[in-house]
């Protein structure tokens, strides 16, 4: 049974040494890069902030320029926007009449089953309960 891998230097024909050397060089470069970034972190942060501020200012200027350009084109060709055509509805105060209070039913937690009865009979029973037993009101 042959050895297929890079796990030991004896059976990999020296490939493990190359991988180990690449890993050591990678770690050394990463260490130097981290040190370089750490030494210049304020310069890097300032540059990033300046680039962000410049990008925001440029996008705001481009958007306002596009709005002005669109307004000039619309005025030249007689195009009206929705804002020009649709007027906002004026706000009006509305007086709401108070809802007349209904007397409480006088009982709580009443649970009635009206199974098997026709709808008209159920409605009559419910109306009678809501009217306090009087049948003169609809």
C-alpha atoms as a PDB file:
ATOM      1  CA  UNK A   1       0.000   0.000   0.000  1.00  0.00           C
ATOM      2  CA  UNK A   2       1.538   3.274  -1.154  1.00  0.00           C
ATOM      3  CA  UNK A   3       1.453   6.583   0.648  1.00  0.00           C
ATOM      4  CA  UNK A   4      -0.639   9.163  -1.201  1.00  0.00           C
ATOM      5  CA  UNK A   5       0.029  12.284   0.666  1.00  0.00           C
ATOM      6  CA  UNK A   6       1.917  15.226   1.941  1.00  0.00           C
ATOM      7  CA  UNK A   7       1.786  14.212   5.579  1.00  0.00           C
ATOM      8  CA  UNK A   8       5.355  13.078   5.938  1.00  0.00           C
ATOM      9  CA  UNK A   9       8.581  14.277   4.299  1.00  0.00           C
ATOM     10  CA  UNK A  10       9.787  10.771   3.622  1.00  0.00           C
ATOM     11  CA  UNK A  11       7.028   9.793   1.196  1.00  0.00           C
ATOM     12  CA  UNK A  12       6.209  13.138  -0.415  1.00  0.00           C
ATOM     13  CA  UNK A  13       9.516  13.629  -2.207  1.00  0.00           C
ATOM     14  CA  UNK A  14      10.186  16.994  -0.566  1.00  0.00           C
ATOM     15  CA  UNK A  15       6.788  18.569  -1.350  1.00  0.00           C
ATOM     16  CA  UNK A  16       6.073  19.068   2.342  1.00  0.00           C
ATOM     17  CA  UNK A  17       9.125  21.288   2.649  1.00  0.00           C
ATOM     18  CA  UNK A  18       7.853  23.538  -0.162  1.00  0.00           C
ATOM     19  CA  UNK A  19       4.451  23.868   1.467  1.00  0.00           C
ATOM     20  CA  UNK A  20       6.054  24.559   4.826  1.00  0.00           C
ATOM     21  CA  UNK A  21       8.301  27.210   3.278  1.00  0.00           C
ATOM     22  CA  UNK A  22       5.302  28.865   1.567  1.00  0.00           C
ATOM     23  CA  UNK A  23       3.399  28.900   4.876  1.00  0.00           C
ATOM     24  CA  UNK A  24       6.359  30.475   6.695  1.00  0.00           C
ATOM     25  CA  UNK A  25       6.741  33.150   3.991  1.00  0.00           C
ATOM     26  CA  UNK A  26       2.962  33.799   4.102  1.00  0.00           C
ATOM     27  CA  UNK A  27       3.019  34.287   7.858  1.00  0.00           C
ATOM     28  CA  UNK A  28       6.043  36.608   7.636  1.00  0.00           C
ATOM     29  CA  UNK A  29       4.385  38.729   4.907  1.00  0.00           C
ATOM     30  CA  UNK A  30       1.143  38.900   6.904  1.00  0.00           C
ATOM     31  CA  UNK A  31       3.096  39.978   9.980  1.00  0.00           C
ATOM     32  CA  UNK A  32       4.865  42.734   8.029  1.00  0.00           C
ATOM     33  CA  UNK A  33       1.586  43.834   6.415  1.00  0.00           C
ATOM     34  CA  UNK A  34      -0.141  44.040   9.796  1.00  0.00           C
ATOM     35  CA  UNK A  35       2.752  46.020  11.217  1.00  0.00           C
ATOM     36  CA  UNK A  36       2.722  48.385   8.214  1.00  0.00           C
ATOM     37  CA  UNK A  37      -1.069  48.906   8.537  1.00  0.00           C
ATOM     38  CA  UNK A  38      -0.833  49.417  12.299  1.00  0.00           C
ATOM     39  CA  UNK A  39       1.889  52.068  11.834  1.00  0.00           C
ATOM     40  CA  UNK A  40      -0.270  53.957   9.320  1.00  0.00           C
ATOM     41  CA  UNK A  41      -3.779  53.335  10.647  1.00  0.00           C
ATOM     42  CA  UNK A  42      -4.595  57.030  11.128  1.00  0.00           C
ATOM     43  CA  UNK A  43      -3.488  57.881   7.589  1.00  0.00           C
ATOM     44  CA  UNK A  44      -5.515  54.995   6.205  1.00  0.00           C
ATOM     45  CA  UNK A  45      -8.582  55.951   8.269  1.00  0.00           C
ATOM     46  CA  UNK A  46      -8.315  59.592   7.209  1.00  0.00           C
ATOM     47  CA  UNK A  47      -8.027  58.625   3.556  1.00  0.00           C
ATOM     48  CA  UNK A  48     -11.054  56.334   3.794  1.00  0.00           C
ATOM     49  CA  UNK A  49     -13.071  59.064   5.529  1.00  0.00           C
ATOM     50  CA  UNK A  50     -12.059  61.657   2.926  1.00  0.00           C
ATOM     51  CA  UNK A  51     -13.002  59.287   0.109  1.00  0.00           C
ATOM     52  CA  UNK A  52     -16.376  58.616   1.732  1.00  0.00           C
ATOM     53  CA  UNK A  53     -17.095  62.327   2.200  1.00  0.00           C
ATOM     54  CA  UNK A  54     -16.091  63.051  -1.395  1.00  0.00           C
ATOM     55  CA  UNK A  55     -18.286  60.219  -2.701  1.00  0.00           C
ATOM     56  CA  UNK A  56     -21.314  61.444  -0.718  1.00  0.00           C
ATOM     57  CA  UNK A  57     -20.813  65.052  -1.844  1.00  0.00           C
ATOM     58  CA  UNK A  58     -20.402  63.980  -5.480  1.00  0.00           C
ATOM     59  CA  UNK A  59     -23.537  61.821  -5.401  1.00  0.00           C
ATOM     60  CA  UNK A  60     -25.580  64.634  -3.851  1.00  0.00           C
ATOM     61  CA  UNK A  61     -24.328  67.106  -6.453  1.00  0.00           C
ATOM     62  CA  UNK A  62     -25.040  64.661  -9.304  1.00  0.00           C
ATOM     63  CA  UNK A  63     -28.564  64.028  -8.025  1.00  0.00           C
ATOM     64  CA  UNK A  64     -29.385  67.741  -7.789  1.00  0.00           C
ATOM     65  CA  UNK A  65     -27.857  68.288 -11.242  1.00  0.00           C
ATOM     66  CA  UNK A  66     -30.031  65.484 -12.663  1.00  0.00           C
ATOM     67  CA  UNK A  67     -33.138  67.038 -11.060  1.00  0.00           C
ATOM     68  CA  UNK A  68     -32.350  70.439 -12.577  1.00  0.00           C
ATOM     69  CA  UNK A  69     -31.642  68.852 -15.963  1.00  0.00           C
ATOM     70  CA  UNK A  70     -34.932  66.916 -15.848  1.00  0.00           C
ATOM     71  CA  UNK A  71     -36.864  70.063 -14.906  1.00  0.00           C
ATOM     72  CA  UNK A  72     -35.295  71.970 -17.822  1.00  0.00           C
ATOM     73  CA  UNK A  73     -36.197  69.157 -20.237  1.00  0.00           C
ATOM     74  CA  UNK A  74     -39.776  68.968 -18.913  1.00  0.00           C
ATOM     75  CA  UNK A  75     -40.215  72.739 -19.182  1.00  0.00           C
ATOM     76  CA  UNK A  76     -38.850  72.722 -22.719  1.00  0.00           C
ATOM     77  CA  UNK A  77     -41.209  69.931 -23.843  1.00  0.00           C
ATOM     78  CA  UNK A  78     -44.299  70.857 -21.798  1.00  0.00           C
ATOM     79  CA  UNK A  79     -44.224  67.798 -19.550  1.00  0.00           C
ATOM     80  CA  UNK A  80     -45.997  68.082 -16.203  1.00  0.00           C
ATOM     81  CA  UNK A  81     -45.145  65.879 -13.273  1.00  0.00           C
ATOM     82  CA  UNK A  82     -47.626  64.360 -10.847  1.00  0.00           C
ATOM     83  CA  UNK A  83     -46.668  66.992  -8.301  1.00  0.00           C
ATOM     84  CA  UNK A  84     -47.678  69.720 -10.766  1.00  0.00           C
ATOM     85  CA  UNK A  85     -51.049  68.151 -11.578  1.00  0.00           C
ATOM     86  CA  UNK A  86     -52.281  66.611  -8.322  1.00  0.00           C
ATOM     87  CA  UNK A  87     -52.989  69.113  -5.599  1.00  0.00           C
ATOM     88  CA  UNK A  88     -52.854  67.911  -2.034  1.00  0.00           C
ATOM     89  CA  UNK A  89     -56.180  67.665  -0.280  1.00  0.00           C
ATOM     90  CA  UNK A  90     -56.687  70.394   2.291  1.00  0.00           C
ATOM     91  CA  UNK A  91     -56.820  69.176   5.844  1.00  0.00           C
ATOM     92  CA  UNK A  92     -60.200  69.722   7.427  1.00  0.00           C
ATOM     93  CA  UNK A  93     -61.197  69.296  11.012  1.00  0.00           C
ATOM     94  CA  UNK A  94     -64.088  66.879  11.389  1.00  0.00           C
ATOM     95  CA  UNK A  95     -66.315  66.980  14.426  1.00  0.00           C
ATOM     96  CA  UNK A  96     -67.295  63.494  15.438  1.00  0.00           C
ATOM     97  CA  UNK A  97     -70.546  63.116  17.325  1.00  0.00           C
ATOM     98  CA  UNK A  98     -70.137  61.128  20.510  1.00  0.00           C
ATOM     99  CA  UNK A  99     -71.539  57.637  20.329  1.00  0.00           C
ATOM    100  CA  UNK A 100     -74.543  57.276  22.614  1.00  0.00           C
ATOM    101  CA  UNK A 101     -73.812  54.931  25.464  1.00  0.00           C
ATOM    102  CA  UNK A 102     -75.636  51.667  25.450  1.00  0.00           C
ATOM    103  CA  UNK A 103     -76.635  50.202  28.753  1.00  0.00           C
ATOM    104  CA  UNK A 104     -74.698  47.163  29.830  1.00  0.00           C
ATOM    105  CA  UNK A 105     -76.453  43.845  29.550  1.00  0.00           C
ATOM    106  CA  UNK A 106     -76.501  43.507  33.299  1.00  0.00           C
ATOM    107  CA  UNK A 107     -74.851  40.119  33.358  1.00  0.00           C
ATOM    108  CA  UNK A 108     -71.467  38.773  32.520  1.00  0.00           C
ATOM    109  CA  UNK A 109     -70.103  35.552  31.159  1.00  0.00           C
ATOM    110  CA  UNK A 110     -73.428  34.446  29.734  1.00  0.00           C
ATOM    111  CA  UNK A 111     -72.962  31.691  27.227  1.00  0.00           C
ATOM    112  CA  UNK A 112     -75.989  30.425  25.344  1.00  0.00           C
ATOM    113  CA  UNK A 113     -76.152  27.561  22.865  1.00  0.00           C
ATOM    114  CA  UNK A 114     -78.904  27.891  20.278  1.00  0.00           C
ATOM    115  CA  UNK A 115     -78.123  24.811  18.230  1.00  0.00           C
ATOM    116  CA  UNK A 116     -80.785  23.464  15.922  1.00  0.00           C
ATOM    117  CA  UNK A 117     -83.036  26.519  16.032  1.00  0.00           C
ATOM    118  CA  UNK A 118     -83.927  28.497  12.910  1.00  0.00           C
ATOM    119  CA  UNK A 119     -82.109  31.803  12.388  1.00  0.00           C
ATOM    120  CA  UNK A 120     -85.208  33.921  13.016  1.00  0.00           C
ATOM    121  CA  UNK A 121     -85.799  32.285  16.398  1.00  0.00           C
ATOM    122  CA  UNK A 122     -82.148  32.735  17.373  1.00  0.00           C
ATOM    123  CA  UNK A 123     -82.326  36.421  16.403  1.00  0.00           C
ATOM    124  CA  UNK A 124     -85.512  36.918  18.427  1.00  0.00           C
ATOM    125  CA  UNK A 125     -83.929  35.368  21.522  1.00  0.00           C
ATOM    126  CA  UNK A 126     -80.793  37.472  21.157  1.00  0.00           C
ATOM    127  CA  UNK A 127     -82.843  40.670  20.643  1.00  0.00           C
ATOM    128  CA  UNK A 128     -84.885  39.863  23.715  1.00  0.00           C
ATOM    129  CA  UNK A 129     -81.680  39.419  25.769  1.00  0.00           C
ATOM    130  CA  UNK A 130     -80.207  42.673  24.459  1.00  0.00           C
ATOM    131  CA  UNK A 131     -83.400  44.637  25.170  1.00  0.00           C
ATOM    132  CA  UNK A 132     -83.592  43.409  28.743  1.00  0.00           C
ATOM    133  CA  UNK A 133     -86.518  41.083  28.124  1.00  0.00           C
ATOM    134  CA  UNK A 134     -88.668  43.650  26.301  1.00  0.00           C
ATOM    135  CA  UNK A 135     -90.012  42.594  22.941  1.00  0.00           C
ATOM    136  CA  UNK A 136     -91.392  45.993  21.878  1.00  0.00           C
ATOM    137  CA  UNK A 137     -88.069  47.150  20.349  1.00  0.00           C
ATOM    138  CA  UNK A 138     -86.748  45.627  17.112  1.00  0.00           C
END
